[in-house]
């Protein structure tokens, strides 16, 4: 266990058991984040992160130094993600910076690539597509150094999404193909990348086609439907946030394809799921859906969906 100094300020010596406890704690919070959203665990992670950074100043055997830095980087990466998921972007950026510094000290290129991916997602939601692409590109460099095919797949899928937002169909499809190939070549993954399974690849594929439906040709949205349907059906309660976000994209794909009735049905389910998730990203994902429905032919179902979105915003602040 960690023994503190008489003043109780800093740990004197850190042993393997302390690192195992830290890893177990991070794993538990990551599962909670997937299931319920960052808003549920952000405050606890912020408190934990502020304390555990002191571990870095404690006495640790040389053989454990890199592992300590990696574990702390993993924790702060997760902390940053929950801050982003809760709408605290500035705090998220600071925590990502701490995580990146620690990952570099640990010499863990795969974790550094994951941090870059998550920083890119933050920029993508802010609409700063160029900044997001720069983060994803730097992440790819780190993933190549780590020789991690799965991490390369994660980054390629997100590059595809960013290029689709740029209405660059060839680039989007090229990166989507690279993501599929890299995923097929992937093997064992680090804890921070385990979320990206075949189901998540399907969700990302559907998201890219939906985005191309918004920016290039509405007919592309039809190609998204089977991928998104499969993803929504396969997500279990342990991935509650991913299911909610993917349902919103599925509703958007239906709306872009001019099926307002189905968009309203799926959208209502998505909103009901979002009410149970502590994530502001659900609101951000609803904006494109709302815009497409408003810009389409007025229907009773469309009006009901718009009313549901408005009520959700009021209820969740």
Protein backbone atom coordinates (compact mmCIF):
# COMPACT_ATOMS: atom_id res chain seq x y z
CA UNK A 1 0.00 0.00 0.00
CA UNK A 2 1.01 3.66 -0.22
CA UNK A 3 2.68 4.92 2.95
CA UNK A 4 2.44 8.65 3.45
CA UNK A 5 4.93 11.01 4.97
CA UNK A 6 4.27 12.38 8.49
CA UNK A 7 2.66 15.45 6.92
CA UNK A 8 0.47 13.21 4.78
CA UNK A 9 1.43 15.12 1.66
CA UNK A 10 3.29 12.71 -0.61
CA UNK A 11 3.65 8.95 -0.90
CA UNK A 12 7.05 7.70 0.23
CA UNK A 13 7.14 4.50 -1.76
CA UNK A 14 4.96 3.06 -4.50
CA UNK A 15 4.73 -0.68 -5.05
CA UNK A 16 3.12 -2.96 -7.63
CA UNK A 17 -0.04 -3.28 -5.54
CA UNK A 18 -0.59 0.47 -5.71
CA UNK A 19 -0.38 0.42 -9.49
CA UNK A 20 -2.76 -2.52 -9.69
CA UNK A 21 -5.25 -0.62 -7.55
CA UNK A 22 -4.93 2.42 -9.81
CA UNK A 23 -5.47 0.29 -12.92
CA UNK A 24 -8.51 -1.39 -11.38
CA UNK A 25 -9.99 1.99 -10.45
CA UNK A 26 -9.47 3.38 -13.95
CA UNK A 27 -11.04 0.28 -15.46
CA UNK A 28 -14.11 0.65 -13.24
CA UNK A 29 -14.57 4.33 -14.12
CA UNK A 30 -14.11 3.58 -17.83
CA UNK A 31 -16.91 1.01 -17.68
CA UNK A 32 -19.15 3.54 -15.89
CA UNK A 33 -18.36 6.16 -18.53
CA UNK A 34 -19.32 3.78 -21.35
CA UNK A 35 -22.53 2.78 -19.63
CA UNK A 36 -23.80 6.08 -18.24
CA UNK A 37 -21.75 8.91 -19.76
CA UNK A 38 -19.05 11.20 -18.48
CA UNK A 39 -21.42 13.33 -16.43
CA UNK A 40 -21.89 10.48 -13.99
CA UNK A 41 -18.21 10.09 -13.10
CA UNK A 42 -16.51 13.37 -14.06
CA UNK A 43 -16.41 14.86 -10.53
CA UNK A 44 -15.01 11.70 -8.97
CA UNK A 45 -12.36 11.38 -11.66
CA UNK A 46 -11.38 15.04 -11.26
CA UNK A 47 -10.81 14.51 -7.54
CA UNK A 48 -8.94 11.29 -8.12
CA UNK A 49 -6.84 12.79 -10.88
CA UNK A 50 -5.81 15.73 -8.72
CA UNK A 51 -4.61 13.38 -6.00
CA UNK A 52 -2.93 10.69 -8.08
CA UNK A 53 -0.71 13.15 -9.91
CA UNK A 54 1.19 13.31 -6.60
CA UNK A 55 2.18 9.69 -7.16
CA UNK A 56 4.53 10.93 -9.80
CA UNK A 57 6.54 12.71 -7.11
CA UNK A 58 6.74 9.71 -4.83
CA UNK A 59 9.49 7.15 -4.56
CA UNK A 60 9.01 4.45 -7.16
CA UNK A 61 11.43 1.69 -8.12
CA UNK A 62 12.99 2.32 -11.57
CA UNK A 63 11.35 -0.84 -12.92
CA UNK A 64 7.91 0.65 -12.14
CA UNK A 65 8.45 4.24 -13.29
CA UNK A 66 7.22 3.77 -16.86
CA UNK A 67 4.22 1.74 -15.70
CA UNK A 68 3.30 4.47 -13.20
CA UNK A 69 3.47 7.13 -15.91
CA UNK A 70 1.38 4.99 -18.26
CA UNK A 71 -1.27 4.33 -15.60
CA UNK A 72 -1.47 8.01 -14.72
CA UNK A 73 -1.68 8.94 -18.41
CA UNK A 74 -4.51 6.45 -18.86
CA UNK A 75 -6.39 7.93 -15.92
CA UNK A 76 -5.97 11.52 -17.10
CA UNK A 77 -6.96 10.56 -20.64
CA UNK A 78 -10.18 9.09 -19.27
CA UNK A 79 -10.67 12.14 -17.04
CA UNK A 80 -10.30 14.42 -20.08
CA UNK A 81 -12.83 12.34 -22.02
CA UNK A 82 -15.43 12.62 -19.25
CA UNK A 83 -14.85 16.38 -19.11
CA UNK A 84 -15.40 16.59 -22.86
CA UNK A 85 -18.48 14.39 -22.58
CA UNK A 86 -19.79 16.74 -19.87
CA UNK A 87 -19.24 19.91 -21.90
CA UNK A 88 -16.12 21.16 -20.07
CA UNK A 89 -13.89 21.52 -23.11
CA UNK A 90 -11.21 23.76 -21.59
CA UNK A 91 -10.72 21.41 -18.65
CA UNK A 92 -10.64 18.51 -21.09
CA UNK A 93 -7.83 20.09 -23.11
CA UNK A 94 -5.77 20.65 -19.96
CA UNK A 95 -6.26 17.05 -18.87
CA UNK A 96 -5.39 15.78 -22.34
CA UNK A 97 -2.16 17.79 -22.12
CA UNK A 98 -1.29 16.15 -18.80
CA UNK A 99 -2.11 12.72 -20.21
CA UNK A 100 0.04 13.32 -23.30
CA UNK A 101 3.01 14.47 -21.20
CA UNK A 102 2.75 11.34 -19.06
CA UNK A 103 2.36 9.05 -22.07
CA UNK A 104 5.52 10.51 -23.59
CA UNK A 105 7.38 9.97 -20.32
CA UNK A 106 6.12 6.39 -20.28
CA UNK A 107 7.22 5.89 -23.87
CA UNK A 108 3.77 4.50 -24.72
CA UNK A 109 3.08 5.45 -28.33
CA UNK A 110 -0.22 3.57 -28.45
CA UNK A 111 -1.63 5.53 -25.53
CA UNK A 112 -0.34 8.77 -27.01
CA UNK A 113 -2.14 7.91 -30.26
CA UNK A 114 -5.35 7.31 -28.30
CA UNK A 115 -5.01 10.70 -26.62
CA UNK A 116 -4.58 12.32 -30.03
CA UNK A 117 -7.71 10.53 -31.27
CA UNK A 118 -9.76 11.83 -28.36
CA UNK A 119 -8.41 15.36 -28.72
CA UNK A 120 -9.41 15.16 -32.37
CA UNK A 121 -12.94 14.13 -31.44
CA UNK A 122 -13.21 17.17 -29.22
CA UNK A 123 -12.12 19.42 -32.09
CA UNK A 124 -14.49 17.65 -34.47
CA UNK A 125 -17.47 18.35 -32.24
CA UNK A 126 -16.39 21.99 -32.01
CA UNK A 127 -16.50 22.16 -35.81
CA UNK A 128 -12.73 22.68 -36.06
CA UNK A 129 -12.28 20.01 -38.71
CA UNK A 130 -8.77 21.08 -39.74
CA UNK A 131 -7.59 20.91 -36.14
CA UNK A 132 -9.24 17.52 -35.76
CA UNK A 133 -7.51 16.20 -38.85
CA UNK A 134 -4.16 17.45 -37.54
CA UNK A 135 -4.73 15.57 -34.26
CA UNK A 136 -5.74 12.39 -36.09
CA UNK A 137 -2.66 12.62 -38.33
CA UNK A 138 -0.34 12.98 -35.34
CA UNK A 139 -2.17 10.08 -33.75
CA UNK A 140 -1.49 7.94 -36.82
CA UNK A 141 2.22 8.69 -36.52
CA UNK A 142 2.18 7.47 -32.91
CA UNK A 143 0.06 4.43 -33.80
CA UNK A 144 2.54 3.42 -36.51
CA UNK A 145 5.38 3.68 -34.00
CA UNK A 146 3.37 1.50 -31.65
CA UNK A 147 2.64 -0.96 -34.47
CA UNK A 148 -0.97 -1.02 -33.30
CA UNK A 149 -3.32 -1.94 -36.13
CA UNK A 150 -6.43 -1.42 -34.00
CA UNK A 151 -5.41 2.10 -33.04
CA UNK A 152 -4.68 2.83 -36.69
CA UNK A 153 -8.21 1.61 -37.47
CA UNK A 154 -9.71 3.95 -34.85
CA UNK A 155 -7.85 6.93 -36.26
CA UNK A 156 -8.60 6.05 -39.90
CA UNK A 157 -12.33 5.75 -39.15
CA UNK A 158 -12.31 9.18 -37.53
CA UNK A 159 -10.28 10.65 -40.38
CA UNK A 160 -12.97 9.30 -42.70
CA UNK A 161 -15.65 11.08 -40.66
CA UNK A 162 -13.72 14.35 -40.74
CA UNK A 163 -13.21 14.17 -44.51
CA UNK A 164 -16.90 13.39 -44.94
CA UNK A 165 -17.64 16.58 -43.01
CA UNK A 166 -15.38 18.31 -45.52
CA UNK A 167 -17.53 16.82 -48.34
CA UNK A 168 -14.43 15.04 -49.68
CA UNK A 169 -15.95 11.71 -50.64
CA UNK A 170 -12.78 10.10 -52.13
CA UNK A 171 -10.73 10.91 -49.02
CA UNK A 172 -13.50 9.76 -46.69
CA UNK A 173 -13.93 6.42 -48.44
CA UNK A 174 -10.17 5.90 -48.71
CA UNK A 175 -9.74 6.30 -44.96
CA UNK A 176 -12.82 4.19 -44.27
CA UNK A 177 -11.28 1.40 -46.33
CA UNK A 178 -8.02 1.76 -44.42
CA UNK A 179 -9.95 1.52 -41.16
CA UNK A 180 -11.61 -1.71 -42.29
CA UNK A 181 -8.30 -3.23 -43.39
CA UNK A 182 -6.47 -2.19 -40.22
CA UNK A 183 -9.27 -3.53 -38.04
CA UNK A 184 -9.05 -6.90 -39.78
CA UNK A 185 -5.32 -6.96 -39.07
CA UNK A 186 -5.70 -5.93 -35.43
CA UNK A 187 -5.11 -8.17 -32.45
CA UNK A 188 -4.98 -7.69 -28.68
CA UNK A 189 -5.78 -4.15 -27.62
CA UNK A 190 -4.85 -1.93 -24.70
CA UNK A 191 -7.67 -1.09 -22.24
CA UNK A 192 -8.20 2.38 -23.73
CA UNK A 193 -8.87 0.91 -27.21
CA UNK A 194 -11.02 -2.10 -26.34
CA UNK A 195 -14.22 -0.16 -27.08
CA UNK A 196 -13.48 -0.30 -30.81
CA UNK A 197 -14.88 -3.68 -31.80
CA UNK A 198 -16.71 -4.85 -34.92
CA UNK A 199 -19.87 -3.15 -33.68
CA UNK A 200 -18.15 0.19 -33.23
CA UNK A 201 -16.61 -0.09 -36.70
CA UNK A 202 -20.10 -0.67 -38.07
CA UNK A 203 -21.37 2.42 -36.23
CA UNK A 204 -18.50 4.52 -37.60
CA UNK A 205 -19.08 3.21 -41.12
CA UNK A 206 -22.73 4.21 -40.91
CA UNK A 207 -21.76 7.59 -39.48
CA UNK A 208 -19.40 8.29 -42.41
CA UNK A 209 -22.06 7.37 -44.97
CA UNK A 210 -24.63 9.51 -43.13
CA UNK A 211 -22.23 12.46 -43.11
CA UNK A 212 -21.65 12.02 -46.83
CA UNK A 213 -25.43 11.99 -47.21
CA UNK A 214 -25.51 15.39 -45.53
CA UNK A 215 -22.58 16.93 -47.40
CA UNK A 216 -22.38 15.21 -50.80
CA UNK A 217 -25.46 13.27 -51.88
CA UNK A 218 -28.56 12.36 -49.84
CA UNK A 219 -28.58 8.92 -51.44
CA UNK A 220 -25.46 8.04 -49.45
CA UNK A 221 -27.55 8.06 -46.27
CA UNK A 222 -29.39 4.96 -47.49
CA UNK A 223 -26.08 3.06 -47.48
CA UNK A 224 -25.66 3.96 -43.82
CA UNK A 225 -28.87 2.28 -42.65
CA UNK A 226 -27.81 -1.40 -42.41
CA UNK A 227 -24.57 -0.50 -40.62
CA UNK A 228 -26.36 1.68 -38.09
CA UNK A 229 -29.24 -0.77 -37.63
CA UNK A 230 -26.75 -3.53 -36.83
CA UNK A 231 -24.80 -1.35 -34.42
CA UNK A 232 -27.87 -0.16 -32.49
CA UNK A 233 -29.15 -3.73 -32.20
CA UNK A 234 -25.80 -5.04 -30.94
CA UNK A 235 -24.99 -2.39 -28.34
CA UNK A 236 -25.84 -3.68 -24.88
CA UNK A 237 -26.53 -1.73 -21.67
CA UNK A 238 -22.80 -1.64 -20.94
CA UNK A 239 -22.43 0.68 -23.95
CA UNK A 240 -25.44 2.87 -23.25
CA UNK A 241 -23.89 6.11 -24.49
CA UNK A 242 -22.69 4.61 -27.78
CA UNK A 243 -26.13 3.16 -28.41
CA UNK A 244 -27.81 6.51 -27.75
CA UNK A 245 -25.42 8.43 -30.01
CA UNK A 246 -25.71 5.86 -32.80
CA UNK A 247 -29.52 5.94 -32.62
CA UNK A 248 -29.38 9.68 -33.24
CA UNK A 249 -27.20 9.16 -36.32
CA UNK A 250 -29.62 6.47 -37.50
CA UNK A 251 -32.53 8.91 -37.14
CA UNK A 252 -30.51 11.47 -39.11
CA UNK A 253 -29.85 8.95 -41.89
CA UNK A 254 -33.58 8.30 -42.18
CA UNK A 255 -34.29 12.04 -42.21
CA UNK A 256 -31.71 12.69 -44.95
CA UNK A 257 -33.28 9.83 -46.90
CA UNK A 258 -36.66 11.61 -46.63
CA UNK A 259 -38.22 8.96 -44.39
CA UNK A 260 -39.51 11.35 -41.74
CA UNK A 261 -41.81 8.80 -40.18
CA UNK A 262 -38.96 6.40 -39.44
CA UNK A 263 -36.69 9.28 -38.42
CA UNK A 264 -39.29 10.33 -35.85
CA UNK A 265 -39.68 6.81 -34.51
CA UNK A 266 -35.93 6.22 -34.11
CA UNK A 267 -35.41 9.79 -32.91
CA UNK A 268 -37.95 9.34 -30.13
CA UNK A 269 -36.13 6.18 -29.01
CA UNK A 270 -32.82 8.02 -29.15
CA UNK A 271 -34.13 10.88 -27.02
CA UNK A 272 -35.55 8.45 -24.46
CA UNK A 273 -32.15 6.74 -24.23
CA UNK A 274 -30.32 10.07 -24.07
CA UNK A 275 -32.33 11.08 -21.01
CA UNK A 276 -30.61 8.27 -19.13
CA UNK A 277 -27.10 9.26 -20.25
CA UNK A 278 -24.93 11.95 -18.64
CA UNK A 279 -23.51 13.25 -21.92
CA UNK A 280 -23.89 16.64 -23.56
CA UNK A 281 -22.80 15.09 -26.84
CA UNK A 282 -26.32 13.80 -27.34
CA UNK A 283 -27.48 17.41 -27.68
CA UNK A 284 -24.76 18.14 -30.21
CA UNK A 285 -25.70 15.07 -32.25
CA UNK A 286 -29.34 16.15 -32.28
CA UNK A 287 -28.59 19.49 -33.95
CA UNK A 288 -28.04 18.11 -37.50
CA UNK A 289 -31.15 15.93 -37.14
CA UNK A 290 -33.19 18.94 -36.09
CA UNK A 291 -31.85 21.01 -39.01
CA UNK A 292 -32.67 18.35 -41.60
CA UNK A 293 -36.20 17.83 -40.27
CA UNK A 294 -36.85 21.59 -40.18
CA UNK A 295 -35.61 21.95 -43.73
CA UNK A 296 -37.74 19.14 -45.09
CA UNK A 297 -41.39 18.83 -45.98
CA UNK A 298 -43.51 19.53 -42.86
CA UNK A 299 -45.19 16.41 -41.51
CA UNK A 300 -46.96 15.48 -38.31
CA UNK A 301 -44.15 13.06 -37.41
CA UNK A 302 -41.56 15.72 -38.09
CA UNK A 303 -43.30 18.21 -35.83
CA UNK A 304 -43.51 15.61 -33.09
CA UNK A 305 -39.79 14.91 -33.38
CA UNK A 306 -38.92 18.61 -33.22
CA UNK A 307 -41.11 18.99 -30.16
CA UNK A 308 -39.39 16.02 -28.54
CA UNK A 309 -35.95 17.49 -29.20
CA UNK A 310 -37.03 20.84 -27.74
CA UNK A 311 -38.45 19.17 -24.65
CA UNK A 312 -35.26 17.17 -24.19
CA UNK A 313 -33.15 20.34 -24.29
CA UNK A 314 -35.35 22.01 -21.68
CA UNK A 315 -35.33 18.94 -19.42
CA UNK A 316 -31.55 18.54 -19.55
CA UNK A 317 -30.65 22.20 -19.28
